[in-house]
PDB file of all heavy atoms in Angstrom:
ATOM      1  N   PRO A   1     -22.714  -9.389  -3.565  1.00  0.00           N
ATOM      2  CA  PRO A   1     -22.278  -8.562  -2.425  1.00  0.00           C
ATOM      3  C   PRO A   1     -21.372  -9.287  -1.439  1.00  0.00           C
ATOM      4  O   PRO A   1     -20.753  -8.640  -0.586  1.00  0.00           O
ATOM      5  CB  PRO A   1     -23.599  -8.159  -1.753  1.00  0.00           C
ATOM      6  CG  PRO A   1     -24.609  -8.190  -2.857  1.00  0.00           C
ATOM      7  CD  PRO A   1     -24.195  -9.368  -3.699  1.00  0.00           C
ATOM      8  N   THR A   2     -21.265 -10.634  -1.549  1.00  0.00           N
ATOM      9  CA  THR A   2     -20.363 -11.356  -0.650  1.00  0.00           C
ATOM     10  C   THR A   2     -18.901 -11.003  -0.907  1.00  0.00           C
ATOM     11  O   THR A   2     -18.036 -11.361  -0.098  1.00  0.00           O
ATOM     12  CB  THR A   2     -20.542 -12.880  -0.798  1.00  0.00           C
ATOM     13  OG1 THR A   2     -20.346 -13.257  -2.172  1.00  0.00           O
ATOM     14  CG2 THR A   2     -21.938 -13.311  -0.365  1.00  0.00           C
ATOM     15  N   THR A   3     -18.621 -10.287  -1.997  1.00  0.00           N
ATOM     16  CA  THR A   3     -17.248  -9.842  -2.230  1.00  0.00           C
ATOM     17  C   THR A   3     -16.804  -8.823  -1.175  1.00  0.00           C
ATOM     18  O   THR A   3     -15.635  -8.460  -1.120  1.00  0.00           O
ATOM     19  CB  THR A   3     -17.099  -9.226  -3.634  1.00  0.00           C
ATOM     20  OG1 THR A   3     -18.002  -8.126  -3.779  1.00  0.00           O
ATOM     21  CG2 THR A   3     -17.414 -10.265  -4.701  1.00  0.00           C
ATOM     22  N   LEU A   4     -17.740  -8.400  -0.343  1.00  0.00           N
ATOM     23  CA  LEU A   4     -17.378  -7.558   0.799  1.00  0.00           C
ATOM     24  C   LEU A   4     -16.345  -8.254   1.674  1.00  0.00           C
ATOM     25  O   LEU A   4     -15.512  -7.595   2.313  1.00  0.00           O
ATOM     26  CB  LEU A   4     -18.638  -7.235   1.615  1.00  0.00           C
ATOM     27  CG  LEU A   4     -18.447  -6.433   2.904  1.00  0.00           C
ATOM     28  CD1 LEU A   4     -17.909  -5.036   2.609  1.00  0.00           C
ATOM     29  CD2 LEU A   4     -19.754  -6.343   3.686  1.00  0.00           C
ATOM     30  N   VAL A   5     -16.369  -9.592   1.711  1.00  0.00           N
ATOM     31  CA  VAL A   5     -15.388 -10.345   2.509  1.00  0.00           C
ATOM     32  C   VAL A   5     -13.977 -10.072   1.991  1.00  0.00           C
ATOM     33  O   VAL A   5     -13.043  -9.853   2.773  1.00  0.00           O
ATOM     34  CB  VAL A   5     -15.713 -11.852   2.458  1.00  0.00           C
ATOM     35  CG1 VAL A   5     -14.613 -12.656   3.164  1.00  0.00           C
ATOM     36  CG2 VAL A   5     -17.074 -12.132   3.081  1.00  0.00           C
ATOM     37  N   ILE A   6     -13.810 -10.060   0.671  1.00  0.00           N
ATOM     38  CA  ILE A   6     -12.497  -9.785   0.083  1.00  0.00           C
ATOM     39  C   ILE A   6     -12.035  -8.381   0.457  1.00  0.00           C
ATOM     40  O   ILE A   6     -10.881  -8.163   0.827  1.00  0.00           O
ATOM     41  CB  ILE A   6     -12.557  -9.954  -1.447  1.00  0.00           C
ATOM     42  CG1 ILE A   6     -12.782 -11.415  -1.814  1.00  0.00           C
ATOM     43  CG2 ILE A   6     -11.298  -9.423  -2.101  1.00  0.00           C
ATOM     44  CD1 ILE A   6     -12.907 -11.663  -3.303  1.00  0.00           C
ATOM     45  N   VAL A   7     -12.955  -7.424   0.341  1.00  0.00           N
ATOM     46  CA  VAL A   7     -12.611  -6.040   0.671  1.00  0.00           C
ATOM     47  C   VAL A   7     -12.199  -5.939   2.139  1.00  0.00           C
ATOM     48  O   VAL A   7     -11.253  -5.219   2.484  1.00  0.00           O
ATOM     49  CB  VAL A   7     -13.798  -5.111   0.366  1.00  0.00           C
ATOM     50  CG1 VAL A   7     -13.517  -3.689   0.835  1.00  0.00           C
ATOM     51  CG2 VAL A   7     -14.105  -5.122  -1.126  1.00  0.00           C
ATOM     52  N   GLY A   8     -12.885  -6.667   3.010  1.00  0.00           N
ATOM     53  CA  GLY A   8     -12.530  -6.667   4.424  1.00  0.00           C
ATOM     54  C   GLY A   8     -11.130  -7.220   4.665  1.00  0.00           C
ATOM     55  O   GLY A   8     -10.376  -6.691   5.499  1.00  0.00           O
ATOM     56  N   ILE A   9     -10.770  -8.272   3.933  1.00  0.00           N
ATOM     57  CA  ILE A   9      -9.425  -8.845   4.071  1.00  0.00           C
ATOM     58  C   ILE A   9      -8.365  -7.848   3.615  1.00  0.00           C
ATOM     59  O   ILE A   9      -7.321  -7.670   4.267  1.00  0.00           O
ATOM     60  CB  ILE A   9      -9.324 -10.158   3.258  1.00  0.00           C
ATOM     61  CG1 ILE A   9     -10.216 -11.233   3.893  1.00  0.00           C
ATOM     62  CG2 ILE A   9      -7.883 -10.645   3.181  1.00  0.00           C
ATOM     63  CD1 ILE A   9     -10.338 -12.500   3.065  1.00  0.00           C
ATOM     64  N   LEU A  10      -8.622  -7.168   2.500  1.00  0.00           N
ATOM     65  CA  LEU A  10      -7.672  -6.166   2.009  1.00  0.00           C
ATOM     66  C   LEU A  10      -7.530  -5.014   3.008  1.00  0.00           C
ATOM     67  O   LEU A  10      -6.416  -4.549   3.278  1.00  0.00           O
ATOM     68  CB  LEU A  10      -8.129  -5.629   0.651  1.00  0.00           C
ATOM     69  CG  LEU A  10      -8.163  -6.615  -0.516  1.00  0.00           C
ATOM     70  CD1 LEU A  10      -8.684  -5.927  -1.769  1.00  0.00           C
ATOM     71  CD2 LEU A  10      -6.788  -7.221  -0.766  1.00  0.00           C
ATOM     72  N   ALA A  11      -8.658  -4.549   3.545  1.00  0.00           N
ATOM     73  CA  ALA A  11      -8.612  -3.448   4.509  1.00  0.00           C
ATOM     74  C   ALA A  11      -7.830  -3.851   5.756  1.00  0.00           C
ATOM     75  O   ALA A  11      -7.038  -3.059   6.286  1.00  0.00           O
ATOM     76  CB  ALA A  11     -10.036  -3.021   4.877  1.00  0.00           C
ATOM     77  N   TYR A  12      -8.046  -5.087   6.213  1.00  0.00           N
ATOM     78  CA  TYR A  12      -7.297  -5.584   7.373  1.00  0.00           C
ATOM     79  C   TYR A  12      -5.800  -5.592   7.073  1.00  0.00           C
ATOM     80  O   TYR A  12      -4.968  -5.204   7.916  1.00  0.00           O
ATOM     81  CB  TYR A  12      -7.775  -6.989   7.726  1.00  0.00           C
ATOM     82  CG  TYR A  12      -6.944  -7.670   8.793  1.00  0.00           C
ATOM     83  CD1 TYR A  12      -7.182  -7.436  10.145  1.00  0.00           C
ATOM     84  CD2 TYR A  12      -5.920  -8.546   8.446  1.00  0.00           C
ATOM     85  CE1 TYR A  12      -6.420  -8.060  11.121  1.00  0.00           C
ATOM     86  CE2 TYR A  12      -5.149  -9.171   9.414  1.00  0.00           C
ATOM     87  CZ  TYR A  12      -5.409  -8.928  10.748  1.00  0.00           C
ATOM     88  OH  TYR A  12      -4.647  -9.541  11.711  1.00  0.00           O
ATOM     89  N   GLY A  13      -5.452  -6.027   5.867  1.00  0.00           N
ATOM     90  CA  GLY A  13      -4.040  -6.086   5.491  1.00  0.00           C
ATOM     91  C   GLY A  13      -3.397  -4.715   5.434  1.00  0.00           C
ATOM     92  O   GLY A  13      -2.270  -4.526   5.906  1.00  0.00           O
ATOM     93  N   VAL A  14      -4.094  -3.743   4.857  1.00  0.00           N
ATOM     94  CA  VAL A  14      -3.548  -2.384   4.786  1.00  0.00           C
ATOM     95  C   VAL A  14      -3.415  -1.795   6.183  1.00  0.00           C
ATOM     96  O   VAL A  14      -2.404  -1.166   6.518  1.00  0.00           O
ATOM     97  CB  VAL A  14      -4.435  -1.483   3.886  1.00  0.00           C
ATOM     98  CG1 VAL A  14      -3.948  -0.039   3.927  1.00  0.00           C
ATOM     99  CG2 VAL A  14      -4.439  -1.993   2.455  1.00  0.00           C
ATOM    100  N   TYR A  15      -4.426  -2.004   7.005  1.00  0.00           N
ATOM    101  CA  TYR A  15      -4.420  -1.441   8.362  1.00  0.00           C
ATOM    102  C   TYR A  15      -3.258  -1.996   9.187  1.00  0.00           C
ATOM    103  O   TYR A  15      -2.674  -1.284  10.017  1.00  0.00           O
ATOM    104  CB  TYR A  15      -5.744  -1.753   9.048  1.00  0.00           C
ATOM    105  CG  TYR A  15      -5.869  -1.183  10.447  1.00  0.00           C
ATOM    106  CD1 TYR A  15      -6.153   0.168  10.642  1.00  0.00           C
ATOM    107  CD2 TYR A  15      -5.701  -1.994  11.570  1.00  0.00           C
ATOM    108  CE1 TYR A  15      -6.255   0.700  11.921  1.00  0.00           C
ATOM    109  CE2 TYR A  15      -5.801  -1.479  12.850  1.00  0.00           C
ATOM    110  CZ  TYR A  15      -6.081  -0.133  13.022  1.00  0.00           C
ATOM    111  OH  TYR A  15      -6.181   0.384  14.281  1.00  0.00           O
ATOM    112  N   ASN A  16      -2.903  -3.252   8.955  1.00  0.00           N
ATOM    113  CA  ASN A  16      -1.838  -3.891   9.729  1.00  0.00           C
ATOM    114  C   ASN A  16      -0.482  -3.869   9.020  1.00  0.00           C
ATOM    115  O   ASN A  16       0.442  -4.598   9.413  1.00  0.00           O
ATOM    116  CB  ASN A  16      -2.232  -5.339  10.058  1.00  0.00           C
ATOM    117  CG  ASN A  16      -3.314  -5.409  11.109  1.00  0.00           C
ATOM    118  OD1 ASN A  16      -3.050  -5.323  12.303  1.00  0.00           O
ATOM    119  ND2 ASN A  16      -4.557  -5.561  10.667  1.00  0.00           N
ATOM    120  N   GLY A  17      -0.365  -3.056   7.988  1.00  0.00           N
ATOM    121  CA  GLY A  17       0.928  -2.871   7.334  1.00  0.00           C
ATOM    122  C   GLY A  17       1.377  -4.013   6.453  1.00  0.00           C
ATOM    123  O   GLY A  17       2.566  -4.129   6.140  1.00  0.00           O
ATOM    124  N   LYS A  18       0.453  -4.871   6.025  1.00  0.00           N
ATOM    125  CA  LYS A  18       0.816  -5.975   5.153  1.00  0.00           C
ATOM    126  C   LYS A  18       0.792  -5.582   3.674  1.00  0.00           C
ATOM    127  O   LYS A  18       1.234  -6.314   2.809  1.00  0.00           O
ATOM    128  CB  LYS A  18      -0.117  -7.164   5.392  1.00  0.00           C
ATOM    129  CG  LYS A  18      -0.044  -7.679   6.822  1.00  0.00           C
ATOM    130  CD  LYS A  18      -0.968  -8.851   7.053  1.00  0.00           C
ATOM    131  CE  LYS A  18      -0.925  -9.312   8.500  1.00  0.00           C
ATOM    132  NZ  LYS A  18       0.414  -9.781   8.917  1.00  0.00           N
ATOM    133  N   PHE A  19       0.234  -4.431   3.377  1.00  0.00           N
ATOM    134  CA  PHE A  19       0.295  -3.812   2.055  1.00  0.00           C
ATOM    135  C   PHE A  19       0.740  -2.365   2.246  1.00  0.00           C
ATOM    136  O   PHE A  19       0.712  -1.819   3.345  1.00  0.00           O
ATOM    137  CB  PHE A  19      -1.092  -3.783   1.388  1.00  0.00           C
ATOM    138  CG  PHE A  19      -1.696  -5.126   1.107  1.00  0.00           C
ATOM    139  CD1 PHE A  19      -2.782  -5.575   1.846  1.00  0.00           C
ATOM    140  CD2 PHE A  19      -1.216  -5.944   0.106  1.00  0.00           C
ATOM    141  CE1 PHE A  19      -3.377  -6.786   1.593  1.00  0.00           C
ATOM    142  CE2 PHE A  19      -1.794  -7.168  -0.160  1.00  0.00           C
ATOM    143  CZ  PHE A  19      -2.879  -7.596   0.586  1.00  0.00           C
ATOM    144  N   TRP A  20       1.085  -1.753   1.162  1.00  0.00           N
ATOM    145  CA  TRP A  20       1.228  -0.295   1.100  1.00  0.00           C
ATOM    146  C   TRP A  20       2.276   0.267   2.049  1.00  0.00           C
ATOM    147  O   TRP A  20       1.964   0.926   3.028  1.00  0.00           O
ATOM    148  CB  TRP A  20      -0.137   0.373   1.386  1.00  0.00           C
ATOM    149  CG  TRP A  20      -0.886   0.634   0.134  1.00  0.00           C
ATOM    150  CD1 TRP A  20      -1.375  -0.302  -0.713  1.00  0.00           C
ATOM    151  CD2 TRP A  20      -1.208   1.898  -0.437  1.00  0.00           C
ATOM    152  NE1 TRP A  20      -1.990   0.291  -1.773  1.00  0.00           N
ATOM    153  CE2 TRP A  20      -1.918   1.647  -1.629  1.00  0.00           C
ATOM    154  CE3 TRP A  20      -0.987   3.212  -0.054  1.00  0.00           C
ATOM    155  CZ2 TRP A  20      -2.381   2.656  -2.443  1.00  0.00           C
ATOM    156  CZ3 TRP A  20      -1.458   4.226  -0.853  1.00  0.00           C
ATOM    157  CH2 TRP A  20      -2.146   3.944  -2.039  1.00  0.00           C
ATOM    158  N   ARG A  21       3.528   0.052   1.712  1.00  0.00           N
ATOM    159  CA  ARG A  21       4.623   0.642   2.485  1.00  0.00           C
ATOM    160  C   ARG A  21       5.295   1.712   1.619  1.00  0.00           C
ATOM    161  O   ARG A  21       6.359   1.495   1.053  1.00  0.00           O
ATOM    162  CB  ARG A  21       5.604  -0.433   2.913  1.00  0.00           C
ATOM    163  CG  ARG A  21       4.918  -1.499   3.776  1.00  0.00           C
ATOM    164  CD  ARG A  21       5.869  -2.557   4.241  1.00  0.00           C
ATOM    165  NE  ARG A  21       5.147  -3.624   4.922  1.00  0.00           N
ATOM    166  CZ  ARG A  21       5.728  -4.707   5.414  1.00  0.00           C
ATOM    167  NH1 ARG A  21       7.026  -4.869   5.319  1.00  0.00           N
ATOM    168  NH2 ARG A  21       5.009  -5.635   6.008  1.00  0.00           N
ATOM    169  N   PHE A  22       4.603   2.818   1.481  1.00  0.00           N
ATOM    170  CA  PHE A  22       5.081   3.891   0.622  1.00  0.00           C
ATOM    171  C   PHE A  22       6.001   4.869   1.336  1.00  0.00           C
ATOM    172  O   PHE A  22       6.660   5.672   0.695  1.00  0.00           O
ATOM    173  CB  PHE A  22       3.900   4.684   0.051  1.00  0.00           C
ATOM    174  CG  PHE A  22       3.318   4.072  -1.183  1.00  0.00           C
ATOM    175  CD1 PHE A  22       2.026   3.597  -1.196  1.00  0.00           C
ATOM    176  CD2 PHE A  22       4.066   3.981  -2.337  1.00  0.00           C
ATOM    177  CE1 PHE A  22       1.483   3.041  -2.334  1.00  0.00           C
ATOM    178  CE2 PHE A  22       3.532   3.418  -3.486  1.00  0.00           C
ATOM    179  CZ  PHE A  22       2.241   2.955  -3.489  1.00  0.00           C
ATOM    180  N   ALA A  23       6.008   4.855   2.661  1.00  0.00           N
ATOM    181  CA  ALA A  23       6.767   5.861   3.411  1.00  0.00           C
ATOM    182  C   ALA A  23       8.268   5.613   3.247  1.00  0.00           C
ATOM    183  O   ALA A  23       8.878   4.854   3.990  1.00  0.00           O
ATOM    184  CB  ALA A  23       6.377   5.822   4.877  1.00  0.00           C
ATOM    185  N   ASN A  24       8.867   6.227   2.250  1.00  0.00           N
ATOM    186  CA  ASN A  24      10.297   6.086   2.010  1.00  0.00           C
ATOM    187  C   ASN A  24      10.827   7.374   1.400  1.00  0.00           C
ATOM    188  O   ASN A  24      10.844   7.535   0.190  1.00  0.00           O
ATOM    189  CB  ASN A  24      10.580   4.906   1.084  1.00  0.00           C
ATOM    190  CG  ASN A  24      12.064   4.537   1.085  1.00  0.00           C
ATOM    191  OD1 ASN A  24      12.917   5.401   1.110  1.00  0.00           O
ATOM    192  ND2 ASN A  24      12.342   3.239   1.086  1.00  0.00           N
ATOM    193  N   PRO A  25      11.231   8.333   2.228  1.00  0.00           N
ATOM    194  CA  PRO A  25      11.628   9.641   1.711  1.00  0.00           C
ATOM    195  C   PRO A  25      12.860   9.606   0.817  1.00  0.00           C
ATOM    196  O   PRO A  25      13.130  10.552   0.095  1.00  0.00           O
ATOM    197  CB  PRO A  25      11.907  10.452   2.982  1.00  0.00           C
ATOM    198  CG  PRO A  25      12.195   9.425   4.036  1.00  0.00           C
ATOM    199  CD  PRO A  25      11.365   8.239   3.691  1.00  0.00           C
ATOM    200  N   VAL A  26      13.618   8.485   0.839  1.00  0.00           N
ATOM    201  CA  VAL A  26      14.823   8.403   0.013  1.00  0.00           C
ATOM    202  C   VAL A  26      14.490   8.543  -1.465  1.00  0.00           C
ATOM    203  O   VAL A  26      15.266   9.076  -2.249  1.00  0.00           O
ATOM    204  CB  VAL A  26      15.540   7.053   0.272  1.00  0.00           C
ATOM    205  CG1 VAL A  26      16.730   6.892  -0.665  1.00  0.00           C
ATOM    206  CG2 VAL A  26      15.977   6.973   1.726  1.00  0.00           C
ATOM    207  N   PHE A  27      13.291   8.075  -1.860  1.00  0.00           N
ATOM    208  CA  PHE A  27      12.921   8.073  -3.266  1.00  0.00           C
ATOM    209  C   PHE A  27      12.182   9.337  -3.688  1.00  0.00           C
ATOM    210  O   PHE A  27      11.846   9.477  -4.852  1.00  0.00           O
ATOM    211  CB  PHE A  27      12.042   6.850  -3.571  1.00  0.00           C
ATOM    212  CG  PHE A  27      12.794   5.551  -3.521  1.00  0.00           C
ATOM    213  CD1 PHE A  27      12.873   4.833  -2.343  1.00  0.00           C
ATOM    214  CD2 PHE A  27      13.422   5.053  -4.650  1.00  0.00           C
ATOM    215  CE1 PHE A  27      13.565   3.638  -2.286  1.00  0.00           C
ATOM    216  CE2 PHE A  27      14.117   3.854  -4.601  1.00  0.00           C
ATOM    217  CZ  PHE A  27      14.199   3.139  -3.422  1.00  0.00           C
ATOM    218  N   GLN A  28      11.907  10.252  -2.767  1.00  0.00           N
ATOM    219  CA  GLN A  28      11.068  11.391  -3.108  1.00  0.00           C
ATOM    220  C   GLN A  28      11.690  12.274  -4.187  1.00  0.00           C
ATOM    221  O   GLN A  28      10.995  12.840  -5.016  1.00  0.00           O
ATOM    222  CB  GLN A  28      10.779  12.224  -1.856  1.00  0.00           C
ATOM    223  CG  GLN A  28       9.935  11.498  -0.813  1.00  0.00           C
ATOM    224  CD  GLN A  28       8.608  11.007  -1.380  1.00  0.00           C
ATOM    225  OE1 GLN A  28       7.914  11.751  -2.055  1.00  0.00           O
ATOM    226  NE2 GLN A  28       8.279   9.753  -1.121  1.00  0.00           N
ATOM    227  N   HIS A  29      13.030  12.402  -4.202  1.00  0.00           N
ATOM    228  CA  HIS A  29      13.662  13.269  -5.183  1.00  0.00           C
ATOM    229  C   HIS A  29      13.600  12.694  -6.593  1.00  0.00           C
ATOM    230  O   HIS A  29      13.883  13.396  -7.563  1.00  0.00           O
ATOM    231  CB  HIS A  29      15.126  13.510  -4.788  1.00  0.00           C
ATOM    232  CG  HIS A  29      15.978  12.274  -4.879  1.00  0.00           C
ATOM    233  ND1 HIS A  29      15.961  11.298  -3.897  1.00  0.00           N
ATOM    234  CD2 HIS A  29      16.861  11.854  -5.834  1.00  0.00           C
ATOM    235  CE1 HIS A  29      16.812  10.337  -4.236  1.00  0.00           C
ATOM    236  NE2 HIS A  29      17.363  10.640  -5.402  1.00  0.00           N
ATOM    237  N   GLU A  30      13.239  11.427  -6.732  1.00  0.00           N
ATOM    238  CA  GLU A  30      13.185  10.795  -8.044  1.00  0.00           C
ATOM    239  C   GLU A  30      11.816  10.924  -8.694  1.00  0.00           C
ATOM    240  O   GLU A  30      11.601  10.411  -9.788  1.00  0.00           O
ATOM    241  CB  GLU A  30      13.561   9.312  -7.928  1.00  0.00           C
ATOM    242  CG  GLU A  30      14.971   9.108  -7.398  1.00  0.00           C
ATOM    243  CD  GLU A  30      15.344   7.639  -7.327  1.00  0.00           C
ATOM    244  OE1 GLU A  30      14.648   6.831  -7.957  1.00  0.00           O
ATOM    245  OE2 GLU A  30      16.330   7.309  -6.650  1.00  0.00           O
ATOM    246  N   GLY A  31      10.880  11.592  -8.049  1.00  0.00           N
ATOM    247  CA  GLY A  31       9.577  11.781  -8.652  1.00  0.00           C
ATOM    248  C   GLY A  31       8.478  11.171  -7.802  1.00  0.00           C
ATOM    249  O   GLY A  31       8.739  10.332  -6.930  1.00  0.00           O
ATOM    250  N   PRO A  32       7.229  11.575  -8.056  1.00  0.00           N
ATOM    251  CA  PRO A  32       6.117  11.137  -7.197  1.00  0.00           C
ATOM    252  C   PRO A  32       5.803   9.654  -7.288  1.00  0.00           C
ATOM    253  O   PRO A  32       5.167   9.114  -6.396  1.00  0.00           O
ATOM    254  CB  PRO A  32       4.941  11.981  -7.716  1.00  0.00           C
ATOM    255  CG  PRO A  32       5.324  12.334  -9.120  1.00  0.00           C
ATOM    256  CD  PRO A  32       6.801  12.490  -9.117  1.00  0.00           C
ATOM    257  N   PHE A  33       6.242   8.981  -8.361  1.00  0.00           N
ATOM    258  CA  PHE A  33       5.888   7.568  -8.516  1.00  0.00           C
ATOM    259  C   PHE A  33       7.088   6.644  -8.302  1.00  0.00           C
ATOM    260  O   PHE A  33       6.995   5.446  -8.518  1.00  0.00           O
ATOM    261  CB  PHE A  33       5.294   7.319  -9.903  1.00  0.00           C
ATOM    262  CG  PHE A  33       4.039   8.096 -10.162  1.00  0.00           C
ATOM    263  CD1 PHE A  33       4.054   9.201 -10.996  1.00  0.00           C
ATOM    264  CD2 PHE A  33       2.849   7.744  -9.564  1.00  0.00           C
ATOM    265  CE1 PHE A  33       2.913   9.944 -11.220  1.00  0.00           C
ATOM    266  CE2 PHE A  33       1.700   8.471  -9.783  1.00  0.00           C
ATOM    267  CZ  PHE A  33       1.734   9.574 -10.613  1.00  0.00           C
ATOM    268  N   ALA A  34       8.211   7.202  -7.890  1.00  0.00           N
ATOM    269  CA  ALA A  34       9.411   6.384  -7.752  1.00  0.00           C
ATOM    270  C   ALA A  34       9.260   5.305  -6.690  1.00  0.00           C
ATOM    271  O   ALA A  34       9.804   4.216  -6.832  1.00  0.00           O
ATOM    272  CB  ALA A  34      10.603   7.276  -7.413  1.00  0.00           C
ATOM    273  N   SER A  35       8.535   5.591  -5.638  1.00  0.00           N
ATOM    274  CA  SER A  35       8.437   4.628  -4.535  1.00  0.00           C
ATOM    275  C   SER A  35       7.528   3.449  -4.849  1.00  0.00           C
ATOM    276  O   SER A  35       7.434   2.518  -4.065  1.00  0.00           O
ATOM    277  CB  SER A  35       7.948   5.328  -3.266  1.00  0.00           C
ATOM    278  OG  SER A  35       6.724   5.983  -3.497  1.00  0.00           O
ATOM    279  N   PHE A  36       6.849   3.451  -5.997  1.00  0.00           N
ATOM    280  CA  PHE A  36       6.026   2.301  -6.367  1.00  0.00           C
ATOM    281  C   PHE A  36       6.878   1.040  -6.487  1.00  0.00           C
ATOM    282  O   PHE A  36       6.434  -0.051  -6.158  1.00  0.00           O
ATOM    283  CB  PHE A  36       5.309   2.567  -7.698  1.00  0.00           C
ATOM    284  CG  PHE A  36       3.974   3.224  -7.532  1.00  0.00           C
ATOM    285  CD1 PHE A  36       3.882   4.540  -7.124  1.00  0.00           C
ATOM    286  CD2 PHE A  36       2.806   2.528  -7.767  1.00  0.00           C
ATOM    287  CE1 PHE A  36       2.659   5.156  -6.959  1.00  0.00           C
ATOM    288  CE2 PHE A  36       1.581   3.138  -7.608  1.00  0.00           C
ATOM    289  CZ  PHE A  36       1.501   4.454  -7.203  1.00  0.00           C
ATOM    290  N   SER A  37       8.093   1.189  -6.976  1.00  0.00           N
ATOM    291  CA  SER A  37       8.953   0.022  -7.152  1.00  0.00           C
ATOM    292  C   SER A  37       9.269  -0.646  -5.828  1.00  0.00           C
ATOM    293  O   SER A  37       9.511  -1.845  -5.763  1.00  0.00           O
ATOM    294  CB  SER A  37      10.255   0.425  -7.852  1.00  0.00           C
ATOM    295  OG  SER A  37      10.930   1.418  -7.086  1.00  0.00           O
ATOM    296  N   LEU A  38       9.268   0.129  -4.750  1.00  0.00           N
ATOM    297  CA  LEU A  38       9.514  -0.424  -3.422  1.00  0.00           C
ATOM    298  C   LEU A  38       8.236  -0.926  -2.768  1.00  0.00           C
ATOM    299  O   LEU A  38       8.215  -1.995  -2.156  1.00  0.00           O
ATOM    300  CB  LEU A  38      10.160   0.634  -2.525  1.00  0.00           C
ATOM    301  CG  LEU A  38      10.381   0.219  -1.056  1.00  0.00           C
ATOM    302  CD1 LEU A  38      11.478  -0.835  -0.990  1.00  0.00           C
ATOM    303  CD2 LEU A  38      10.757   1.415  -0.208  1.00  0.00           C
ATOM    304  N   ALA A  39       7.138  -0.175  -2.918  1.00  0.00           N
ATOM    305  CA  ALA A  39       5.900  -0.499  -2.210  1.00  0.00           C
ATOM    306  C   ALA A  39       5.312  -1.836  -2.633  1.00  0.00           C
ATOM    307  O   ALA A  39       4.667  -2.511  -1.835  1.00  0.00           O
ATOM    308  CB  ALA A  39       4.871   0.605  -2.436  1.00  0.00           C
TER     309      ALA A  39
END
């Protein structure tokens, strides 16, 4: 259960914008998964 520490680090990173930057409407016309290459 100490792996909760890892999950906490990931959650902190997502909350502070260090992961997951999917907001890019330029790629929306290329399909739902196009922005993965940027994120």
